[in-house]
Amino acid sequence: MPKIILDLCGGTGAWSKPYVDAGYEVYVIDMEDILQTNATLIQADIRKVNWEALGKIRGILAAPPCTEFSYAKHFHGKGNYEHDFDAGMSIVNACLRVIRESQPLWWCLENPWGYLRDFLGEPVAVFDPWQYGDKYQKRTCLWGRFNIPEPVIIKKPDDVIKFSMLRSKEIHPEYYGKLTRQKRRSITPSGFAKAYFRANP
């Protein structure tokens, strides 16, 4: 029986890439075609997609857009930005519906530290990319039912850079010139993705 993983709002497929590399059957569901791995892309709105035809789901990764929940949008925008929480939650709720109906062995929903905590409550875990070997900090929340990946670095290194201070070329440079800065900002750091896979095979 194939080990099927759903990567909801998966973008480039960075979070699910370790599963692809290990031979899992991975489906990235996203409205845009920016997939950069050998996963299968289902280009569709998560609010409308029919996932049931895929079979028994082993695990679900969900990364709904953070735009409407971002503190950064509020503090670093034009100053008059109003969050559309209804629009943001419509995608979050669609992810949670797929999770509830498919009953996977494990599942995880991630979003940067922001207003989503007001809707989902305190996260199961919070991490920074530097804890898994990527040299920047971007506080990220995790909700779900999963094994928390063991950090490979405990003490914060002195050369860690705040995510907001990274120059555009330093944000996932492997995709510079291929994806917009906004898209690159949302990519799951590879160190965390690998650690998550090891903890949740």
C-alpha atoms as a PDB file:
ATOM      1  CA  MET A   1       0.000   0.000   0.000  1.00  0.00           C
ATOM      2  CA  PRO A   2       1.502   3.381  -0.978  1.00  0.00           C
ATOM      3  CA  LYS A   3       2.282   5.912   1.721  1.00  0.00           C
ATOM      4  CA  ILE A   4       0.252   8.922   0.617  1.00  0.00           C
ATOM      5  CA  ILE A   5       1.079  12.424   1.834  1.00  0.00           C
ATOM      6  CA  LEU A   6      -1.008  15.524   1.132  1.00  0.00           C
ATOM      7  CA  ASP A   7       0.818  18.862   1.055  1.00  0.00           C
ATOM      8  CA  LEU A   8      -2.000  21.414   1.274  1.00  0.00           C
ATOM      9  CA  CYS A   9      -1.240  24.916  -0.045  1.00  0.00           C
ATOM     10  CA  GLY A  10       2.172  23.386  -0.660  1.00  0.00           C
ATOM     11  CA  GLY A  11       3.711  25.930  -3.030  1.00  0.00           C
ATOM     12  CA  THR A  12       7.123  24.656  -4.148  1.00  0.00           C
ATOM     13  CA  GLY A  13       6.680  21.417  -2.217  1.00  0.00           C
ATOM     14  CA  ALA A  14       9.648  22.206   0.027  1.00  0.00           C
ATOM     15  CA  TRP A  15       8.029  20.803   3.184  1.00  0.00           C
ATOM     16  CA  SER A  16       7.075  17.494   1.556  1.00  0.00           C
ATOM     17  CA  LYS A  17      10.304  17.100  -0.458  1.00  0.00           C
ATOM     18  CA  PRO A  18      11.905  14.664   2.029  1.00  0.00           C
ATOM     19  CA  TYR A  19       8.871  12.394   1.591  1.00  0.00           C
ATOM     20  CA  VAL A  20       9.189  12.569  -2.196  1.00  0.00           C
ATOM     21  CA  ASP A  21      12.891  11.739  -1.925  1.00  0.00           C
ATOM     22  CA  ALA A  22      12.050   8.742   0.269  1.00  0.00           C
ATOM     23  CA  GLY A  23       9.618   7.336  -2.291  1.00  0.00           C
ATOM     24  CA  TYR A  24       6.309   8.358  -0.750  1.00  0.00           C
ATOM     25  CA  GLU A  25       3.352   9.208  -2.988  1.00  0.00           C
ATOM     26  CA  VAL A  26       3.033  12.951  -2.450  1.00  0.00           C
ATOM     27  CA  TYR A  27       0.311  15.251  -3.740  1.00  0.00           C
ATOM     28  CA  VAL A  28       0.844  19.003  -3.542  1.00  0.00           C
ATOM     29  CA  ILE A  29      -2.449  20.878  -3.676  1.00  0.00           C
ATOM     30  CA  ASP A  30      -2.039  24.524  -4.597  1.00  0.00           C
ATOM     31  CA  MET A  31      -3.727  27.055  -6.847  1.00  0.00           C
ATOM     32  CA  GLU A  32      -0.412  27.993  -8.488  1.00  0.00           C
ATOM     33  CA  ASP A  33       1.957  25.859 -10.520  1.00  0.00           C
ATOM     34  CA  ILE A  34       5.291  26.566  -8.809  1.00  0.00           C
ATOM     35  CA  LEU A  35       6.065  23.003  -7.743  1.00  0.00           C
ATOM     36  CA  GLN A  36       9.827  22.376  -7.629  1.00  0.00           C
ATOM     37  CA  THR A  37       9.884  18.668  -6.678  1.00  0.00           C
ATOM     38  CA  ASN A  38       8.770  15.381  -8.194  1.00  0.00           C
ATOM     39  CA  ALA A  39       5.528  15.375  -6.230  1.00  0.00           C
ATOM     40  CA  THR A  40       2.237  15.303  -8.141  1.00  0.00           C
ATOM     41  CA  LEU A  41       0.623  18.722  -8.410  1.00  0.00           C
ATOM     42  CA  ILE A  42      -3.125  19.087  -8.075  1.00  0.00           C
ATOM     43  CA  GLN A  43      -3.634  22.657  -9.207  1.00  0.00           C
ATOM     44  CA  ALA A  44      -6.835  23.551  -7.413  1.00  0.00           C
ATOM     45  CA  ASP A  45      -8.426  25.623  -4.672  1.00  0.00           C
ATOM     46  CA  ILE A  46      -8.215  23.603  -1.453  1.00  0.00           C
ATOM     47  CA  ARG A  47     -11.757  24.753  -0.690  1.00  0.00           C
ATOM     48  CA  LYS A  48     -13.019  22.844  -3.728  1.00  0.00           C
ATOM     49  CA  VAL A  49     -10.618  19.955  -4.267  1.00  0.00           C
ATOM     50  CA  ASN A  50     -11.745  16.317  -4.152  1.00  0.00           C
ATOM     51  CA  TRP A  51      -9.021  14.523  -2.198  1.00  0.00           C
ATOM     52  CA  GLU A  52     -11.037  11.336  -1.539  1.00  0.00           C
ATOM     53  CA  ALA A  53     -10.093   9.742  -4.861  1.00  0.00           C
ATOM     54  CA  LEU A  54      -6.461   9.577  -3.740  1.00  0.00           C
ATOM     55  CA  GLY A  55      -6.992   6.791  -1.205  1.00  0.00           C
ATOM     56  CA  LYS A  56      -6.004   6.354   2.439  1.00  0.00           C
ATOM     57  CA  ILE A  57      -3.940   9.325   3.577  1.00  0.00           C
ATOM     58  CA  ARG A  58      -0.940   8.678   5.821  1.00  0.00           C
ATOM     59  CA  GLY A  59      -0.031  12.270   6.669  1.00  0.00           C
ATOM     60  CA  ILE A  60      -1.045  15.847   5.923  1.00  0.00           C
ATOM     61  CA  LEU A  61       1.118  18.948   5.798  1.00  0.00           C
ATOM     62  CA  ALA A  62      -0.841  22.201   5.639  1.00  0.00           C
ATOM     63  CA  ALA A  63       0.599  25.673   5.085  1.00  0.00           C
ATOM     64  CA  PRO A  64      -2.315  28.054   4.460  1.00  0.00           C
ATOM     65  CA  PRO A  65      -1.288  31.557   3.341  1.00  0.00           C
ATOM     66  CA  CYS A  66      -0.238  33.767   6.230  1.00  0.00           C
ATOM     67  CA  THR A  67      -1.117  37.097   4.582  1.00  0.00           C
ATOM     68  CA  GLU A  68      -4.252  37.783   6.606  1.00  0.00           C
ATOM     69  CA  PHE A  69      -2.699  36.622   9.900  1.00  0.00           C
ATOM     70  CA  SER A  70       0.692  38.298   9.634  1.00  0.00           C
ATOM     71  CA  TYR A  71       1.925  40.791  12.216  1.00  0.00           C
ATOM     72  CA  ALA A  72       4.476  41.896   9.632  1.00  0.00           C
ATOM     73  CA  LYS A  73       1.702  42.942   7.260  1.00  0.00           C
ATOM     74  CA  HIS A  74       0.287  45.113  10.010  1.00  0.00           C
ATOM     75  CA  PHE A  75       3.488  46.717  11.271  1.00  0.00           C
ATOM     76  CA  HIS A  76       5.521  46.932   8.070  1.00  0.00           C
ATOM     77  CA  GLY A  77       2.740  47.670   5.575  1.00  0.00           C
ATOM     78  CA  LYS A  78       1.303  51.005   4.617  1.00  0.00           C
ATOM     79  CA  GLY A  79      -0.261  51.461   8.036  1.00  0.00           C
ATOM     80  CA  ASN A  80      -3.851  51.227   6.889  1.00  0.00           C
ATOM     81  CA  TYR A  81      -3.992  47.513   6.114  1.00  0.00           C
ATOM     82  CA  GLU A  82      -7.098  45.715   7.342  1.00  0.00           C
ATOM     83  CA  HIS A  83      -6.870  41.980   7.819  1.00  0.00           C
ATOM     84  CA  ASP A  84      -9.541  39.904   6.099  1.00  0.00           C
ATOM     85  CA  PHE A  85      -9.759  37.147   8.671  1.00  0.00           C
ATOM     86  CA  ASP A  86     -12.821  35.605   6.992  1.00  0.00           C
ATOM     87  CA  ALA A  87     -10.863  35.082   3.781  1.00  0.00           C
ATOM     88  CA  GLY A  88      -7.846  33.707   5.631  1.00  0.00           C
ATOM     89  CA  MET A  89      -9.916  31.356   7.779  1.00  0.00           C
ATOM     90  CA  SER A  90     -11.840  30.024   4.777  1.00  0.00           C
ATOM     91  CA  ILE A  91      -8.594  28.381   3.607  1.00  0.00           C
ATOM     92  CA  VAL A  92      -7.551  27.288   7.103  1.00  0.00           C
ATOM     93  CA  ASN A  93     -10.989  25.722   7.643  1.00  0.00           C
ATOM     94  CA  ALA A  94     -10.769  23.936   4.284  1.00  0.00           C
ATOM     95  CA  CYS A  95      -7.444  22.403   5.366  1.00  0.00           C
ATOM     96  CA  LEU A  96      -8.941  21.355   8.695  1.00  0.00           C
ATOM     97  CA  ARG A  97     -11.948  19.833   6.905  1.00  0.00           C
ATOM     98  CA  VAL A  98      -9.692  17.623   4.775  1.00  0.00           C
ATOM     99  CA  ILE A  99      -7.791  16.605   7.911  1.00  0.00           C
ATOM    100  CA  ARG A 100     -10.959  15.814   9.851  1.00  0.00           C
ATOM    101  CA  GLU A 101     -12.530  13.795   7.045  1.00  0.00           C
ATOM    102  CA  SER A 102      -9.425  11.867   5.983  1.00  0.00           C
ATOM    103  CA  GLN A 103      -8.267  10.953   9.518  1.00  0.00           C
ATOM    104  CA  PRO A 104      -4.546  10.699   8.710  1.00  0.00           C
ATOM    105  CA  LEU A 105      -2.024   9.018  10.975  1.00  0.00           C
ATOM    106  CA  TRP A 106      -0.493  12.437  11.654  1.00  0.00           C
ATOM    107  CA  TRP A 107      -1.079  16.007  10.528  1.00  0.00           C
ATOM    108  CA  CYS A 108       0.491  19.421  10.980  1.00  0.00           C
ATOM    109  CA  LEU A 109      -0.609  22.961  10.094  1.00  0.00           C
ATOM    110  CA  GLU A 110       2.000  25.730  10.130  1.00  0.00           C
ATOM    111  CA  ASN A 111       1.859  29.520  10.078  1.00  0.00           C
ATOM    112  CA  PRO A 112       4.244  32.248  11.195  1.00  0.00           C
ATOM    113  CA  TRP A 113       3.723  33.660  14.689  1.00  0.00           C
ATOM    114  CA  GLY A 114       0.685  35.897  14.191  1.00  0.00           C
ATOM    115  CA  TYR A 115      -3.044  36.326  14.518  1.00  0.00           C
ATOM    116  CA  LEU A 116      -3.924  32.721  13.638  1.00  0.00           C
ATOM    117  CA  ARG A 117      -3.276  31.875  17.295  1.00  0.00           C
ATOM    118  CA  ASP A 118      -6.401  33.896  18.113  1.00  0.00           C
ATOM    119  CA  PHE A 119      -8.440  31.371  16.110  1.00  0.00           C
ATOM    120  CA  LEU A 120      -6.657  28.046  16.687  1.00  0.00           C
ATOM    121  CA  GLY A 121      -5.353  28.639  20.200  1.00  0.00           C
ATOM    122  CA  GLU A 122      -1.806  28.121  21.375  1.00  0.00           C
ATOM    123  CA  PRO A 123       0.253  25.961  19.009  1.00  0.00           C
ATOM    124  CA  VAL A 124       1.564  22.499  19.802  1.00  0.00           C
ATOM    125  CA  ALA A 125       5.075  23.708  19.029  1.00  0.00           C
ATOM    126  CA  VAL A 126       6.960  26.817  17.932  1.00  0.00           C
ATOM    127  CA  PHE A 127      10.273  26.784  16.082  1.00  0.00           C
ATOM    128  CA  ASP A 128      12.848  29.005  14.427  1.00  0.00           C
ATOM    129  CA  PRO A 129      14.722  27.861  11.302  1.00  0.00           C
ATOM    130  CA  TRP A 130      18.106  28.322  13.032  1.00  0.00           C
ATOM    131  CA  GLN A 131      17.192  25.447  15.368  1.00  0.00           C
ATOM    132  CA  TYR A 132      17.417  23.135  12.350  1.00  0.00           C
ATOM    133  CA  GLY A 133      20.507  24.596  10.713  1.00  0.00           C
ATOM    134  CA  ASP A 134      19.181  27.475   8.600  1.00  0.00           C
ATOM    135  CA  LYS A 135      20.919  30.723   9.582  1.00  0.00           C
ATOM    136  CA  TYR A 136      17.892  32.945  10.162  1.00  0.00           C
ATOM    137  CA  GLN A 137      15.036  33.341  12.604  1.00  0.00           C
ATOM    138  CA  LYS A 138      11.372  33.298  11.657  1.00  0.00           C
ATOM    139  CA  ARG A 139       9.181  32.244  14.546  1.00  0.00           C
ATOM    140  CA  THR A 140       6.723  29.676  13.223  1.00  0.00           C
ATOM    141  CA  CYS A 141       3.763  27.968  14.906  1.00  0.00           C
ATOM    142  CA  LEU A 142       2.712  24.341  14.462  1.00  0.00           C
ATOM    143  CA  TRP A 143      -0.701  22.901  15.266  1.00  0.00           C
ATOM    144  CA  GLY A 144      -1.788  19.297  14.874  1.00  0.00           C
ATOM    145  CA  ARG A 145      -1.096  15.723  15.910  1.00  0.00           C
ATOM    146  CA  PHE A 146       2.517  14.876  15.187  1.00  0.00           C
ATOM    147  CA  ASN A 147       5.879  14.116  16.741  1.00  0.00           C
ATOM    148  CA  ILE A 148       7.755  17.345  17.407  1.00  0.00           C
ATOM    149  CA  PRO A 149      11.017  17.352  15.408  1.00  0.00           C
ATOM    150  CA  GLU A 150      14.096  17.315  17.613  1.00  0.00           C
ATOM    151  CA  PRO A 151      16.106  20.552  17.149  1.00  0.00           C
ATOM    152  CA  VAL A 152      19.692  20.012  16.023  1.00  0.00           C
ATOM    153  CA  ILE A 153      20.827  23.321  17.572  1.00  0.00           C
ATOM    154  CA  ILE A 154      19.826  24.298  21.107  1.00  0.00           C
ATOM    155  CA  LYS A 155      21.685  27.549  21.683  1.00  0.00           C
ATOM    156  CA  LYS A 156      21.016  30.409  19.266  1.00  0.00           C
ATOM    157  CA  PRO A 157      24.162  31.101  17.193  1.00  0.00           C
ATOM    158  CA  ASP A 158      25.562  34.631  17.180  1.00  0.00           C
ATOM    159  CA  ASP A 159      25.347  34.943  13.391  1.00  0.00           C
ATOM    160  CA  VAL A 160      21.609  34.287  13.121  1.00  0.00           C
ATOM    161  CA  ILE A 161      19.815  36.968  11.104  1.00  0.00           C
ATOM    162  CA  LYS A 162      16.285  38.228  11.704  1.00  0.00           C
ATOM    163  CA  PHE A 163      14.148  37.194   8.743  1.00  0.00           C
ATOM    164  CA  SER A 164      12.978  40.776   8.234  1.00  0.00           C
ATOM    165  CA  MET A 165      16.625  41.851   7.874  1.00  0.00           C
ATOM    166  CA  LEU A 166      17.500  39.405   5.092  1.00  0.00           C
ATOM    167  CA  ARG A 167      18.231  40.964   1.724  1.00  0.00           C
ATOM    168  CA  SER A 168      16.012  39.687  -1.072  1.00  0.00           C
ATOM    169  CA  LYS A 169      18.821  37.605  -2.607  1.00  0.00           C
ATOM    170  CA  GLU A 170      19.388  35.887   0.753  1.00  0.00           C
ATOM    171  CA  ILE A 171      15.824  34.557   1.010  1.00  0.00           C
ATOM    172  CA  HIS A 172      16.036  31.040  -0.445  1.00  0.00           C
ATOM    173  CA  PRO A 173      18.676  32.103  -3.003  1.00  0.00           C
ATOM    174  CA  GLU A 174      18.183  28.849  -4.939  1.00  0.00           C
ATOM    175  CA  TYR A 175      14.865  30.313  -6.146  1.00  0.00           C
ATOM    176  CA  TYR A 176      16.054  33.899  -6.667  1.00  0.00           C
ATOM    177  CA  GLY A 177      14.967  35.112 -10.094  1.00  0.00           C
ATOM    178  CA  LYS A 178      12.527  32.212 -10.400  1.00  0.00           C
ATOM    179  CA  LEU A 179       9.978  33.118  -7.717  1.00  0.00           C
ATOM    180  CA  THR A 180       8.839  36.411  -6.248  1.00  0.00           C
ATOM    181  CA  ARG A 181      10.183  37.569  -2.906  1.00  0.00           C
ATOM    182  CA  GLN A 182       6.784  36.869  -1.333  1.00  0.00           C
ATOM    183  CA  LYS A 183       6.769  33.291  -2.609  1.00  0.00           C
ATOM    184  CA  ARG A 184      10.326  32.731  -1.424  1.00  0.00           C
ATOM    185  CA  ARG A 185       9.445  34.080   2.019  1.00  0.00           C
ATOM    186  CA  SER A 186       6.844  31.319   2.426  1.00  0.00           C
ATOM    187  CA  ILE A 187       9.120  28.375   1.574  1.00  0.00           C
ATOM    188  CA  THR A 188       9.626  25.867   4.388  1.00  0.00           C
ATOM    189  CA  PRO A 189      13.305  25.802   5.480  1.00  0.00           C
ATOM    190  CA  SER A 190      14.973  22.588   4.351  1.00  0.00           C
ATOM    191  CA  GLY A 191      16.512  21.789   7.732  1.00  0.00           C
ATOM    192  CA  PHE A 192      13.132  21.795   9.425  1.00  0.00           C
ATOM    193  CA  ALA A 193      11.529  19.804   6.582  1.00  0.00           C
ATOM    194  CA  LYS A 194      14.131  17.058   6.947  1.00  0.00           C
ATOM    195  CA  ALA A 195      13.788  16.975  10.732  1.00  0.00           C
ATOM    196  CA  TYR A 196      10.009  16.822  10.484  1.00  0.00           C
ATOM    197  CA  PHE A 197      10.265  13.850   8.101  1.00  0.00           C
ATOM    198  CA  ARG A 198      12.597  11.995  10.445  1.00  0.00           C
ATOM    199  CA  ALA A 199      10.153  12.486  13.340  1.00  0.00           C
ATOM    200  CA  ASN A 200       7.050  11.669  11.289  1.00  0.00           C
ATOM    201  CA  PRO A 201       7.796   8.949   8.704  1.00  0.00           C
END
